[in-house]
PDB file of N, CA and C in Angstrom:
ATOM      1  N   UNK A   1      10.998   6.071 -32.415  1.00  0.00           N
ATOM      2  CA  UNK A   1      11.034   5.469 -33.482  1.00  0.00           C
ATOM      3  C   UNK A   1      11.136   6.578 -34.667  1.00  0.00           C
ATOM      4  N   UNK A   2      10.916   7.694 -34.410  1.00  0.00           N
ATOM      5  CA  UNK A   2      11.006   8.727 -35.347  1.00  0.00           C
ATOM      6  C   UNK A   2      12.307   9.559 -35.171  1.00  0.00           C
ATOM      7  N   UNK A   3      13.100   9.224 -34.163  1.00  0.00           N
ATOM      8  CA  UNK A   3      14.454   9.739 -34.085  1.00  0.00           C
ATOM      9  C   UNK A   3      14.406  11.075 -33.258  1.00  0.00           C
ATOM     10  N   UNK A   4      13.482  11.128 -32.278  1.00  0.00           N
ATOM     11  CA  UNK A   4      13.134  12.313 -31.412  1.00  0.00           C
ATOM     12  C   UNK A   4      13.348  11.773 -30.112  1.00  0.00           C
ATOM     13  N   UNK A   5      14.678  11.286 -29.711  1.00  0.00           N
ATOM     14  CA  UNK A   5      14.994  10.623 -28.469  1.00  0.00           C
ATOM     15  C   UNK A   5      15.158  11.618 -27.533  1.00  0.00           C
ATOM     16  N   UNK A   6      15.705  12.974 -27.729  1.00  0.00           N
ATOM     17  CA  UNK A   6      15.576  13.847 -26.666  1.00  0.00           C
ATOM     18  C   UNK A   6      14.125  14.311 -26.283  1.00  0.00           C
ATOM     19  N   UNK A   7      13.335  14.495 -27.144  1.00  0.00           N
ATOM     20  CA  UNK A   7      11.872  14.810 -26.808  1.00  0.00           C
ATOM     21  C   UNK A   7      11.355  13.743 -25.824  1.00  0.00           C
ATOM     22  N   UNK A   8      11.571  12.541 -26.183  1.00  0.00           N
ATOM     23  CA  UNK A   8      11.098  11.370 -25.652  1.00  0.00           C
ATOM     24  C   UNK A   8      11.672  11.398 -24.034  1.00  0.00           C
ATOM     25  N   UNK A   9      12.983  11.659 -24.016  1.00  0.00           N
ATOM     26  CA  UNK A   9      13.407  11.551 -22.489  1.00  0.00           C
ATOM     27  C   UNK A   9      12.812  12.879 -21.702  1.00  0.00           C
ATOM     28  N   UNK A  10      12.613  13.918 -22.503  1.00  0.00           N
ATOM     29  CA  UNK A  10      12.092  15.117 -21.650  1.00  0.00           C
ATOM     30  C   UNK A  10      10.602  14.822 -21.321  1.00  0.00           C
ATOM     31  N   UNK A  11       9.697  14.182 -22.071  1.00  0.00           N
ATOM     32  CA  UNK A  11       8.421  13.753 -21.795  1.00  0.00           C
ATOM     33  C   UNK A  11       8.541  12.722 -20.833  1.00  0.00           C
ATOM     34  N   UNK A  12       9.389  11.748 -20.758  1.00  0.00           N
ATOM     35  CA  UNK A  12       9.456  10.922 -19.723  1.00  0.00           C
ATOM     36  C   UNK A  12       9.698  11.496 -18.462  1.00  0.00           C
ATOM     37  N   UNK A  13      10.813  12.473 -18.225  1.00  0.00           N
ATOM     38  CA  UNK A  13      10.961  13.248 -17.138  1.00  0.00           C
ATOM     39  C   UNK A  13       9.930  13.896 -16.582  1.00  0.00           C
ATOM     40  N   UNK A  14       9.082  14.493 -17.479  1.00  0.00           N
ATOM     41  CA  UNK A  14       7.756  15.110 -17.166  1.00  0.00           C
ATOM     42  C   UNK A  14       6.895  14.247 -16.506  1.00  0.00           C
ATOM     43  N   UNK A  15       6.908  13.137 -17.077  1.00  0.00           N
ATOM     44  CA  UNK A  15       5.896  12.136 -16.469  1.00  0.00           C
ATOM     45  C   UNK A  15       6.340  11.784 -15.034  1.00  0.00           C
ATOM     46  N   UNK A  16       7.726  11.671 -14.766  1.00  0.00           N
ATOM     47  CA  UNK A  16       8.057  11.299 -13.537  1.00  0.00           C
ATOM     48  C   UNK A  16       7.602  12.422 -12.297  1.00  0.00           C
ATOM     49  N   UNK A  17       7.760  13.864 -12.883  1.00  0.00           N
ATOM     50  CA  UNK A  17       7.491  14.789 -12.043  1.00  0.00           C
ATOM     51  C   UNK A  17       5.972  14.908 -11.702  1.00  0.00           C
ATOM     52  N   UNK A  18       5.071  14.571 -12.772  1.00  0.00           N
ATOM     53  CA  UNK A  18       3.723  14.583 -12.474  1.00  0.00           C
ATOM     54  C   UNK A  18       3.245  13.293 -11.692  1.00  0.00           C
ATOM     55  N   UNK A  19       3.751  12.290 -11.898  1.00  0.00           N
ATOM     56  CA  UNK A  19       3.467  11.053 -11.076  1.00  0.00           C
ATOM     57  C   UNK A  19       3.816  11.352  -9.659  1.00  0.00           C
ATOM     58  N   UNK A  20       5.047  11.863  -9.422  1.00  0.00           N
ATOM     59  CA  UNK A  20       5.530  12.118  -8.112  1.00  0.00           C
ATOM     60  C   UNK A  20       4.537  13.158  -7.413  1.00  0.00           C
ATOM     61  N   UNK A  21       3.947  13.972  -8.201  1.00  0.00           N
ATOM     62  CA  UNK A  21       2.973  15.206  -7.663  1.00  0.00           C
ATOM     63  C   UNK A  21       1.803  14.396  -7.314  1.00  0.00           C
ATOM     64  N   UNK A  22       1.291  13.513  -7.885  1.00  0.00           N
ATOM     65  CA  UNK A  22       0.179  12.740  -7.770  1.00  0.00           C
ATOM     66  C   UNK A  22       0.327  11.760  -6.470  1.00  0.00           C
ATOM     67  N   UNK A  23       1.568  11.208  -6.456  1.00  0.00           N
ATOM     68  CA  UNK A  23       1.813  10.193  -5.296  1.00  0.00           C
ATOM     69  C   UNK A  23       2.027  11.106  -4.068  1.00  0.00           C
ATOM     70  N   UNK A  24       2.459  12.446  -4.065  1.00  0.00           N
ATOM     71  CA  UNK A  24       2.343  13.245  -2.975  1.00  0.00           C
ATOM     72  C   UNK A  24       1.061  13.567  -2.325  1.00  0.00           C
ATOM     73  N   UNK A  25       0.055  13.534  -3.231  1.00  0.00           N
ATOM     74  CA  UNK A  25      -1.288  13.837  -2.889  1.00  0.00           C
ATOM     75  C   UNK A  25      -1.834  12.317  -2.378  1.00  0.00           C
ATOM     76  N   UNK A  26      -1.639  11.304  -3.152  1.00  0.00           N
ATOM     77  CA  UNK A  26      -2.089  10.013  -2.824  1.00  0.00           C
ATOM     78  C   UNK A  26      -1.082   9.067  -2.986  1.00  0.00           C
ATOM     79  N   UNK A  27      -0.378   8.670  -1.975  1.00  0.00           N
ATOM     80  CA  UNK A  27       0.817   7.814  -2.150  1.00  0.00           C
ATOM     81  C   UNK A  27       0.401   6.191  -2.360  1.00  0.00           C
ATOM     82  N   UNK A  28      -0.837   5.947  -2.470  1.00  0.00           N
ATOM     83  CA  UNK A  28      -1.302   4.603  -2.838  1.00  0.00           C
ATOM     84  C   UNK A  28      -1.989   4.548  -4.166  1.00  0.00           C
ATOM     85  N   UNK A  29      -1.618   5.456  -5.236  1.00  0.00           N
ATOM     86  CA  UNK A  29      -2.269   5.574  -6.349  1.00  0.00           C
ATOM     87  C   UNK A  29      -1.531   4.540  -7.133  1.00  0.00           C
ATOM     88  N   UNK A  30      -2.050   3.473  -7.481  1.00  0.00           N
ATOM     89  CA  UNK A  30      -1.558   2.307  -8.380  1.00  0.00           C
ATOM     90  C   UNK A  30      -1.033   2.753  -9.666  1.00  0.00           C
ATOM     91  N   UNK A  31      -1.956   3.525 -10.280  1.00  0.00           N
ATOM     92  CA  UNK A  31      -1.605   3.833 -11.670  1.00  0.00           C
ATOM     93  C   UNK A  31      -0.437   4.785 -11.577  1.00  0.00           C
ATOM     94  N   UNK A  32      -0.367   5.704 -10.756  1.00  0.00           N
ATOM     95  CA  UNK A  32       0.697   6.580 -10.733  1.00  0.00           C
ATOM     96  C   UNK A  32       2.278   6.002 -10.271  1.00  0.00           C
ATOM     97  N   UNK A  33       1.992   4.849  -9.499  1.00  0.00           N
ATOM     98  CA  UNK A  33       3.131   4.115  -9.008  1.00  0.00           C
ATOM     99  C   UNK A  33       3.627   3.346 -10.215  1.00  0.00           C
ATOM    100  N   UNK A  34       2.813   2.842 -11.077  1.00  0.00           N
ATOM    101  CA  UNK A  34       3.226   1.890 -12.229  1.00  0.00           C
ATOM    102  C   UNK A  34       3.747   2.944 -13.348  1.00  0.00           C
ATOM    103  N   UNK A  35       3.047   3.959 -13.537  1.00  0.00           N
ATOM    104  CA  UNK A  35       3.723   4.636 -14.696  1.00  0.00           C
ATOM    105  C   UNK A  35       4.931   5.307 -14.326  1.00  0.00           C
ATOM    106  N   UNK A  36       5.035   5.805 -13.091  1.00  0.00           N
ATOM    107  CA  UNK A  36       6.223   6.468 -12.513  1.00  0.00           C
ATOM    108  C   UNK A  36       7.559   5.336 -12.717  1.00  0.00           C
ATOM    109  N   UNK A  37       7.182   3.894 -12.415  1.00  0.00           N
ATOM    110  CA  UNK A  37       8.009   2.952 -12.424  1.00  0.00           C
ATOM    111  C   UNK A  37       8.575   2.949 -13.611  1.00  0.00           C
ATOM    112  N   UNK A  38       7.749   2.830 -14.862  1.00  0.00           N
ATOM    113  CA  UNK A  38       8.228   2.642 -16.011  1.00  0.00           C
ATOM    114  C   UNK A  38       9.040   3.907 -16.446  1.00  0.00           C
ATOM    115  N   UNK A  39       8.498   5.113 -16.218  1.00  0.00           N
ATOM    116  CA  UNK A  39       9.282   6.307 -16.599  1.00  0.00           C
ATOM    117  C   UNK A  39      10.652   6.408 -16.064  1.00  0.00           C
ATOM    118  N   UNK A  40      10.885   6.053 -14.866  1.00  0.00           N
ATOM    119  CA  UNK A  40      12.054   5.987 -14.142  1.00  0.00           C
ATOM    120  C   UNK A  40      12.976   5.045 -14.634  1.00  0.00           C
ATOM    121  N   UNK A  41      12.445   3.800 -14.997  1.00  0.00           N
ATOM    122  CA  UNK A  41      13.376   2.806 -15.638  1.00  0.00           C
ATOM    123  C   UNK A  41      13.788   3.326 -17.129  1.00  0.00           C
ATOM    124  N   UNK A  42      12.908   3.865 -17.852  1.00  0.00           N
ATOM    125  CA  UNK A  42      13.399   4.319 -19.097  1.00  0.00           C
ATOM    126  C   UNK A  42      14.410   5.587 -18.957  1.00  0.00           C
ATOM    127  N   UNK A  43      14.250   6.266 -17.880  1.00  0.00           N
ATOM    128  CA  UNK A  43      15.206   7.296 -17.541  1.00  0.00           C
ATOM    129  C   UNK A  43      16.533   6.833 -16.896  1.00  0.00           C
ATOM    130  N   UNK A  44      16.737   5.576 -16.815  1.00  0.00           N
ATOM    131  CA  UNK A  44      17.883   5.008 -16.362  1.00  0.00           C
ATOM    132  C   UNK A  44      17.931   4.952 -14.679  1.00  0.00           C
ATOM    133  N   UNK A  45      16.952   5.326 -14.046  1.00  0.00           N
ATOM    134  CA  UNK A  45      16.663   5.431 -12.642  1.00  0.00           C
ATOM    135  C   UNK A  45      16.415   3.917 -12.093  1.00  0.00           C
ATOM    136  N   UNK A  46      17.057   3.034 -12.341  1.00  0.00           N
ATOM    137  CA  UNK A  46      16.582   1.711 -11.938  1.00  0.00           C
ATOM    138  C   UNK A  46      16.314   1.259 -10.572  1.00  0.00           C
ATOM    139  N   UNK A  47      17.025   1.646  -9.677  1.00  0.00           N
ATOM    140  CA  UNK A  47      16.641   1.503  -8.289  1.00  0.00           C
ATOM    141  C   UNK A  47      15.416   2.119  -7.830  1.00  0.00           C
ATOM    142  N   UNK A  48      15.168   3.223  -8.210  1.00  0.00           N
ATOM    143  CA  UNK A  48      13.837   4.257  -8.042  1.00  0.00           C
ATOM    144  C   UNK A  48      12.642   3.380  -8.637  1.00  0.00           C
ATOM    145  N   UNK A  49      13.074   3.000  -9.799  1.00  0.00           N
ATOM    146  CA  UNK A  49      12.115   2.303 -10.560  1.00  0.00           C
ATOM    147  C   UNK A  49      11.374   0.907  -9.846  1.00  0.00           C
ATOM    148  N   UNK A  50      12.523   0.236  -9.419  1.00  0.00           N
ATOM    149  CA  UNK A  50      12.319  -0.992  -8.831  1.00  0.00           C
ATOM    150  C   UNK A  50      11.547  -0.489  -7.351  1.00  0.00           C
ATOM    151  N   UNK A  51      11.932   0.384  -6.721  1.00  0.00           N
ATOM    152  CA  UNK A  51      11.369   0.609  -5.472  1.00  0.00           C
ATOM    153  C   UNK A  51       9.852   0.958  -5.644  1.00  0.00           C
ATOM    154  N   UNK A  52       9.557   1.714  -6.917  1.00  0.00           N
ATOM    155  CA  UNK A  52       8.099   2.005  -7.077  1.00  0.00           C
ATOM    156  C   UNK A  52       7.325   0.687  -7.510  1.00  0.00           C
ATOM    157  N   UNK A  53       7.824  -0.053  -8.207  1.00  0.00           N
ATOM    158  CA  UNK A  53       7.266  -1.376  -8.765  1.00  0.00           C
ATOM    159  C   UNK A  53       6.872  -2.235  -7.279  1.00  0.00           C
ATOM    160  N   UNK A  54       7.902  -2.237  -6.464  1.00  0.00           N
ATOM    161  CA  UNK A  54       7.788  -3.035  -5.281  1.00  0.00           C
ATOM    162  C   UNK A  54       6.621  -2.371  -4.603  1.00  0.00           C
ATOM    163  N   UNK A  55       6.597  -1.059  -4.355  1.00  0.00           N
ATOM    164  CA  UNK A  55       5.402  -0.470  -3.327  1.00  0.00           C
ATOM    165  C   UNK A  55       4.194  -0.689  -4.072  1.00  0.00           C
ATOM    166  N   UNK A  56       3.973  -0.768  -5.422  1.00  0.00           N
ATOM    167  CA  UNK A  56       2.868  -1.057  -6.290  1.00  0.00           C
ATOM    168  C   UNK A  56       2.456  -2.604  -6.024  1.00  0.00           C
ATOM    169  N   UNK A  57       3.284  -3.417  -6.159  1.00  0.00           N
ATOM    170  CA  UNK A  57       2.962  -4.936  -6.031  1.00  0.00           C
ATOM    171  C   UNK A  57       2.629  -5.078  -4.517  1.00  0.00           C
ATOM    172  N   UNK A  58       3.334  -4.338  -3.508  1.00  0.00           N
ATOM    173  CA  UNK A  58       3.020  -4.740  -2.153  1.00  0.00           C
ATOM    174  C   UNK A  58       1.538  -4.234  -1.802  1.00  0.00           C
ATOM    175  N   UNK A  59       1.069  -3.079  -2.317  1.00  0.00           N
ATOM    176  CA  UNK A  59      -0.258  -2.273  -2.106  1.00  0.00           C
ATOM    177  C   UNK A  59      -1.339  -3.140  -2.917  1.00  0.00           C
ATOM    178  N   UNK A  60      -0.885  -3.622  -4.299  1.00  0.00           N
ATOM    179  CA  UNK A  60      -1.823  -4.296  -5.138  1.00  0.00           C
ATOM    180  C   UNK A  60      -1.287  -5.471  -5.760  1.00  0.00           C
ATOM    181  N   UNK A  61      -1.170  -6.689  -4.918  1.00  0.00           N
ATOM    182  CA  UNK A  61      -0.467  -7.879  -5.457  1.00  0.00           C
ATOM    183  C   UNK A  61      -1.316  -8.588  -6.550  1.00  0.00           C
ATOM    184  N   UNK A  62      -2.605  -8.221  -6.522  1.00  0.00           N
ATOM    185  CA  UNK A  62      -3.684  -8.985  -7.610  1.00  0.00           C
ATOM    186  C   UNK A  62      -3.798  -8.105  -8.815  1.00  0.00           C
ATOM    187  N   UNK A  63      -3.126  -6.921  -8.877  1.00  0.00           N
ATOM    188  CA  UNK A  63      -3.649  -6.056  -9.875  1.00  0.00           C
ATOM    189  C   UNK A  63      -2.551  -5.996 -10.948  1.00  0.00           C
ATOM    190  N   UNK A  64      -2.635  -7.098 -11.727  1.00  0.00           N
ATOM    191  CA  UNK A  64      -1.527  -7.240 -12.611  1.00  0.00           C
ATOM    192  C   UNK A  64      -1.969  -7.676 -14.019  1.00  0.00           C
ATOM    193  N   UNK A  65      -1.267  -8.161 -14.813  1.00  0.00           N
ATOM    194  CA  UNK A  65      -1.580  -8.582 -16.048  1.00  0.00           C
ATOM    195  C   UNK A  65      -2.681  -9.586 -16.190  1.00  0.00           C
ATOM    196  N   UNK A  66      -2.879 -10.516 -15.301  1.00  0.00           N
ATOM    197  CA  UNK A  66      -4.029 -11.286 -15.143  1.00  0.00           C
ATOM    198  C   UNK A  66      -5.464 -10.586 -15.048  1.00  0.00           C
ATOM    199  N   UNK A  67      -5.274  -9.443 -14.473  1.00  0.00           N
ATOM    200  CA  UNK A  67      -6.634  -8.620 -14.197  1.00  0.00           C
ATOM    201  C   UNK A  67      -6.751  -7.232 -15.063  1.00  0.00           C
ATOM    202  N   UNK A  68      -5.759  -7.173 -15.917  1.00  0.00           N
ATOM    203  CA  UNK A  68      -5.797  -5.801 -16.672  1.00  0.00           C
ATOM    204  C   UNK A  68      -6.663  -6.005 -17.840  1.00  0.00           C
ATOM    205  N   UNK A  69      -7.798  -5.152 -17.913  1.00  0.00           N
ATOM    206  CA  UNK A  69      -8.787  -5.171 -19.109  1.00  0.00           C
ATOM    207  C   UNK A  69      -8.102  -4.973 -20.356  1.00  0.00           C
ATOM    208  N   UNK A  70      -6.967  -4.146 -20.457  1.00  0.00           N
ATOM    209  CA  UNK A  70      -6.108  -4.073 -21.539  1.00  0.00           C
ATOM    210  C   UNK A  70      -5.614  -5.296 -22.432  1.00  0.00           C
ATOM    211  N   UNK A  71      -5.570  -6.408 -21.607  1.00  0.00           N
ATOM    212  CA  UNK A  71      -5.256  -7.669 -22.266  1.00  0.00           C
ATOM    213  C   UNK A  71      -6.304  -8.575 -22.330  1.00  0.00           C
ATOM    214  N   UNK A  72      -7.579  -8.054 -22.224  1.00  0.00           N
ATOM    215  CA  UNK A  72      -8.677  -9.029 -22.528  1.00  0.00           C
ATOM    216  C   UNK A  72      -8.759  -9.534 -23.816  1.00  0.00           C
ATOM    217  N   UNK A  73      -8.315  -8.801 -24.911  1.00  0.00           N
ATOM    218  CA  UNK A  73      -8.424  -9.157 -26.224  1.00  0.00           C
ATOM    219  C   UNK A  73      -7.375 -10.514 -26.637  1.00  0.00           C
ATOM    220  N   UNK A  74      -6.513 -10.593 -25.672  1.00  0.00           N
ATOM    221  CA  UNK A  74      -5.479 -11.718 -25.719  1.00  0.00           C
ATOM    222  C   UNK A  74      -5.822 -12.962 -24.962  1.00  0.00           C
ATOM    223  N   UNK A  75      -6.662 -12.791 -24.101  1.00  0.00           N
ATOM    224  CA  UNK A  75      -7.008 -13.853 -22.975  1.00  0.00           C
ATOM    225  C   UNK A  75      -7.147 -15.364 -23.777  1.00  0.00           C
ATOM    226  N   UNK A  76      -7.675 -15.477 -24.673  1.00  0.00           N
ATOM    227  CA  UNK A  76      -7.953 -16.861 -25.316  1.00  0.00           C
ATOM    228  C   UNK A  76      -6.816 -17.218 -26.318  1.00  0.00           C
ATOM    229  N   UNK A  77      -5.812 -16.451 -26.363  1.00  0.00           N
ATOM    230  CA  UNK A  77      -4.674 -16.840 -27.315  1.00  0.00           C
ATOM    231  C   UNK A  77      -3.681 -17.735 -26.364  1.00  0.00           C
ATOM    232  N   UNK A  78      -3.359 -18.886 -27.003  1.00  0.00           N
ATOM    233  CA  UNK A  78      -2.540 -20.002 -26.283  1.00  0.00           C
ATOM    234  C   UNK A  78      -1.303 -19.354 -25.870  1.00  0.00           C
ATOM    235  N   UNK A  79      -0.686 -18.446 -26.712  1.00  0.00           N
ATOM    236  CA  UNK A  79       0.641 -17.812 -26.432  1.00  0.00           C
ATOM    237  C   UNK A  79       0.431 -16.922 -25.313  1.00  0.00           C
ATOM    238  N   UNK A  80      -0.524 -16.228 -25.087  1.00  0.00           N
ATOM    239  CA  UNK A  80      -0.723 -15.303 -23.859  1.00  0.00           C
ATOM    240  C   UNK A  80      -0.882 -16.362 -22.681  1.00  0.00           C
ATOM    241  N   UNK A  81      -1.567 -17.405 -22.803  1.00  0.00           N
ATOM    242  CA  UNK A  81      -1.767 -18.311 -21.601  1.00  0.00           C
ATOM    243  C   UNK A  81      -0.349 -18.888 -21.341  1.00  0.00           C
ATOM    244  N   UNK A  82       0.366 -19.231 -22.213  1.00  0.00           N
ATOM    245  CA  UNK A  82       1.688 -19.715 -21.757  1.00  0.00           C
ATOM    246  C   UNK A  82       2.389 -18.676 -21.154  1.00  0.00           C
ATOM    247  N   UNK A  83       2.523 -17.487 -21.627  1.00  0.00           N
ATOM    248  CA  UNK A  83       3.112 -16.157 -20.944  1.00  0.00           C
ATOM    249  C   UNK A  83       2.538 -16.109 -19.601  1.00  0.00           C
ATOM    250  N   UNK A  84       1.353 -16.062 -19.326  1.00  0.00           N
ATOM    251  CA  UNK A  84       0.829 -15.922 -17.906  1.00  0.00           C
ATOM    252  C   UNK A  84       1.642 -16.984 -16.998  1.00  0.00           C
ATOM    253  N   UNK A  85       1.566 -18.246 -17.578  1.00  0.00           N
ATOM    254  CA  UNK A  85       2.035 -19.417 -16.644  1.00  0.00           C
ATOM    255  C   UNK A  85       3.505 -19.105 -16.429  1.00  0.00           C
ATOM    256  N   UNK A  86       4.121 -18.588 -17.376  1.00  0.00           N
ATOM    257  CA  UNK A  86       5.723 -18.309 -17.194  1.00  0.00           C
ATOM    258  C   UNK A  86       5.762 -17.223 -16.180  1.00  0.00           C
ATOM    259  N   UNK A  87       4.757 -16.306 -16.207  1.00  0.00           N
ATOM    260  CA  UNK A  87       5.146 -15.248 -14.879  1.00  0.00           C
ATOM    261  C   UNK A  87       4.776 -15.579 -13.638  1.00  0.00           C
ATOM    262  N   UNK A  88       4.091 -16.634 -13.494  1.00  0.00           N
ATOM    263  CA  UNK A  88       3.801 -17.122 -12.169  1.00  0.00           C
ATOM    264  C   UNK A  88       4.940 -17.886 -11.441  1.00  0.00           C
TER     265      UNK A  88
END
């Protein structure tokens, strides 16, 4: 948003390296899989991003938006409820 695209790309690549390090130590770390997937997608590595997402969903099929406490504030909003219905 502030025009520092190269800095953002570098931070994203560092996030990938760190997530891969965590996954080397614990290959079932849901958060590392999720964050790595997002960073890989942003970096244009779509096939790897999809594979990480697939692994995360296979390991934790119920650990998704419906159960994420970050979305608690939105749970009663009718628009959020419709969004959840569309995701199923």
